Amino acid sequence: MFRRREPVPFAFPTEVDTFRSNVTPPSPRRASFGEIAGRGLLGLTIVSGLVGALILGVPALSTPSDTPVQQSQASQGH
């Protein structure tokens, strides 16, 4: 087999597992009070919209069972 003479420009998967960087990533930035409040209000708006749609939609989808059946006078035969 022929051997390559040029260096390989990428790391092999076995070498990636053993590589450890000495650079620590920056710590995540803490969210401000306004950002937390905005996220909470957005979540509350979405949940209340879904609950409102459910409250308004369930009665519209149900069939009324206590409504009397209308009969025309021509079909009574009097």
C-alpha atoms as a PDB file:
ATOM      1  CA  MET A   1       0.000   0.000   0.000  1.00  0.00           C
ATOM      2  CA  PHE A   2       1.096   3.520  -0.698  1.00  0.00           C
ATOM      3  CA  ARG A   3       1.403   5.914   2.198  1.00  0.00           C
ATOM      4  CA  ARG A   4       0.294   9.507   2.015  1.00  0.00           C
ATOM      5  CA  ARG A   5       3.007  12.059   2.212  1.00  0.00           C
ATOM      6  CA  GLU A   6       0.810  15.115   2.784  1.00  0.00           C
ATOM      7  CA  PRO A   7      -0.774  15.739   6.193  1.00  0.00           C
ATOM      8  CA  VAL A   8      -4.476  15.067   6.590  1.00  0.00           C
ATOM      9  CA  PRO A   9      -6.328  18.382   7.105  1.00  0.00           C
ATOM     10  CA  PHE A  10      -8.915  16.953   9.500  1.00  0.00           C
ATOM     11  CA  ALA A  11      -8.848  15.058  12.782  1.00  0.00           C
ATOM     12  CA  PHE A  12      -9.870  11.443  12.879  1.00  0.00           C
ATOM     13  CA  PRO A  13     -12.762  10.485  15.217  1.00  0.00           C
ATOM     14  CA  THR A  14     -10.427   8.653  17.593  1.00  0.00           C
ATOM     15  CA  GLU A  15      -8.306  11.760  17.999  1.00  0.00           C
ATOM     16  CA  VAL A  16     -11.341  13.977  18.554  1.00  0.00           C
ATOM     17  CA  ASP A  17     -12.394  11.956  21.605  1.00  0.00           C
ATOM     18  CA  THR A  18      -9.057  12.474  23.325  1.00  0.00           C
ATOM     19  CA  PHE A  19      -8.677  16.165  22.442  1.00  0.00           C
ATOM     20  CA  ARG A  20      -9.257  18.601  25.268  1.00  0.00           C
ATOM     21  CA  SER A  21      -9.187  22.324  24.837  1.00  0.00           C
ATOM     22  CA  ASN A  22      -7.547  24.602  27.354  1.00  0.00           C
ATOM     23  CA  VAL A  23      -9.952  27.423  26.435  1.00  0.00           C
ATOM     24  CA  THR A  24     -12.990  27.652  28.676  1.00  0.00           C
ATOM     25  CA  PRO A  25     -16.207  28.747  26.974  1.00  0.00           C
ATOM     26  CA  PRO A  26     -17.818  31.908  28.292  1.00  0.00           C
ATOM     27  CA  SER A  27     -20.471  31.455  30.925  1.00  0.00           C
ATOM     28  CA  PRO A  28     -24.054  31.901  29.703  1.00  0.00           C
ATOM     29  CA  ARG A  29     -25.454  35.390  30.178  1.00  0.00           C
ATOM     30  CA  ARG A  30     -28.186  35.631  32.786  1.00  0.00           C
ATOM     31  CA  ALA A  31     -31.557  36.827  31.549  1.00  0.00           C
ATOM     32  CA  SER A  32     -32.693  40.182  32.862  1.00  0.00           C
ATOM     33  CA  PHE A  33     -35.942  40.699  34.725  1.00  0.00           C
ATOM     34  CA  GLY A  34     -37.576  42.183  31.625  1.00  0.00           C
ATOM     35  CA  GLU A  35     -36.670  39.160  29.519  1.00  0.00           C
ATOM     36  CA  ILE A  36     -38.017  36.750  32.124  1.00  0.00           C
ATOM     37  CA  ALA A  37     -41.218  38.787  32.482  1.00  0.00           C
ATOM     38  CA  GLY A  38     -41.628  38.939  28.702  1.00  0.00           C
ATOM     39  CA  ARG A  39     -41.238  35.186  28.356  1.00  0.00           C
ATOM     40  CA  GLY A  40     -43.733  34.630  31.147  1.00  0.00           C
ATOM     41  CA  LEU A  41     -46.281  36.967  29.585  1.00  0.00           C
ATOM     42  CA  LEU A  42     -45.823  35.345  26.186  1.00  0.00           C
ATOM     43  CA  GLY A  43     -46.384  31.899  27.677  1.00  0.00           C
ATOM     44  CA  LEU A  44     -49.404  33.117  29.609  1.00  0.00           C
ATOM     45  CA  THR A  45     -50.878  34.675  26.461  1.00  0.00           C
ATOM     46  CA  ILE A  46     -50.442  31.464  24.472  1.00  0.00           C
ATOM     47  CA  VAL A  47     -51.934  29.280  27.213  1.00  0.00           C
ATOM     48  CA  SER A  48     -54.886  31.627  27.771  1.00  0.00           C
ATOM     49  CA  GLY A  49     -55.561  31.710  24.023  1.00  0.00           C
ATOM     50  CA  LEU A  50     -55.638  27.925  23.869  1.00  0.00           C
ATOM     51  CA  VAL A  51     -57.904  27.696  26.919  1.00  0.00           C
ATOM     52  CA  GLY A  52     -60.219  30.369  25.495  1.00  0.00           C
ATOM     53  CA  ALA A  53     -60.444  28.534  22.181  1.00  0.00           C
ATOM     54  CA  LEU A  54     -61.240  25.333  24.039  1.00  0.00           C
ATOM     55  CA  ILE A  55     -63.924  27.017  26.163  1.00  0.00           C
ATOM     56  CA  LEU A  56     -65.566  28.598  23.115  1.00  0.00           C
ATOM     57  CA  GLY A  57     -65.105  25.606  20.829  1.00  0.00           C
ATOM     58  CA  VAL A  58     -66.456  22.765  22.967  1.00  0.00           C
ATOM     59  CA  PRO A  59     -70.043  24.086  23.210  1.00  0.00           C
ATOM     60  CA  ALA A  60     -70.068  24.832  19.485  1.00  0.00           C
ATOM     61  CA  LEU A  61     -69.069  21.259  18.646  1.00  0.00           C
ATOM     62  CA  SER A  62     -71.553  19.550  20.957  1.00  0.00           C
ATOM     63  CA  THR A  63     -74.975  18.613  19.609  1.00  0.00           C
ATOM     64  CA  PRO A  64     -77.920  19.934  21.609  1.00  0.00           C
ATOM     65  CA  SER A  65     -79.928  17.035  23.028  1.00  0.00           C
ATOM     66  CA  ASP A  66     -82.700  18.982  24.771  1.00  0.00           C
ATOM     67  CA  THR A  67     -83.975  20.775  21.651  1.00  0.00           C
ATOM     68  CA  PRO A  68     -87.441  19.469  20.657  1.00  0.00           C
ATOM     69  CA  VAL A  69     -87.858  18.212  17.129  1.00  0.00           C
ATOM     70  CA  GLN A  70     -89.960  20.611  15.036  1.00  0.00           C
ATOM     71  CA  GLN A  71     -92.878  19.141  13.141  1.00  0.00           C
ATOM     72  CA  SER A  72     -94.616  20.890  10.322  1.00  0.00           C
ATOM     73  CA  GLN A  73     -98.397  21.196  10.451  1.00  0.00           C
ATOM     74  CA  ALA A  74     -98.785  19.552   7.050  1.00  0.00           C
ATOM     75  CA  SER A  75     -97.295  16.312   8.276  1.00  0.00           C
ATOM     76  CA  GLN A  76     -99.674  16.054  11.275  1.00  0.00           C
ATOM     77  CA  GLY A  77    -102.634  15.125   9.051  1.00  0.00           C
ATOM     78  CA  HIS A  78    -105.384  17.128  10.846  1.00  0.00           C
END
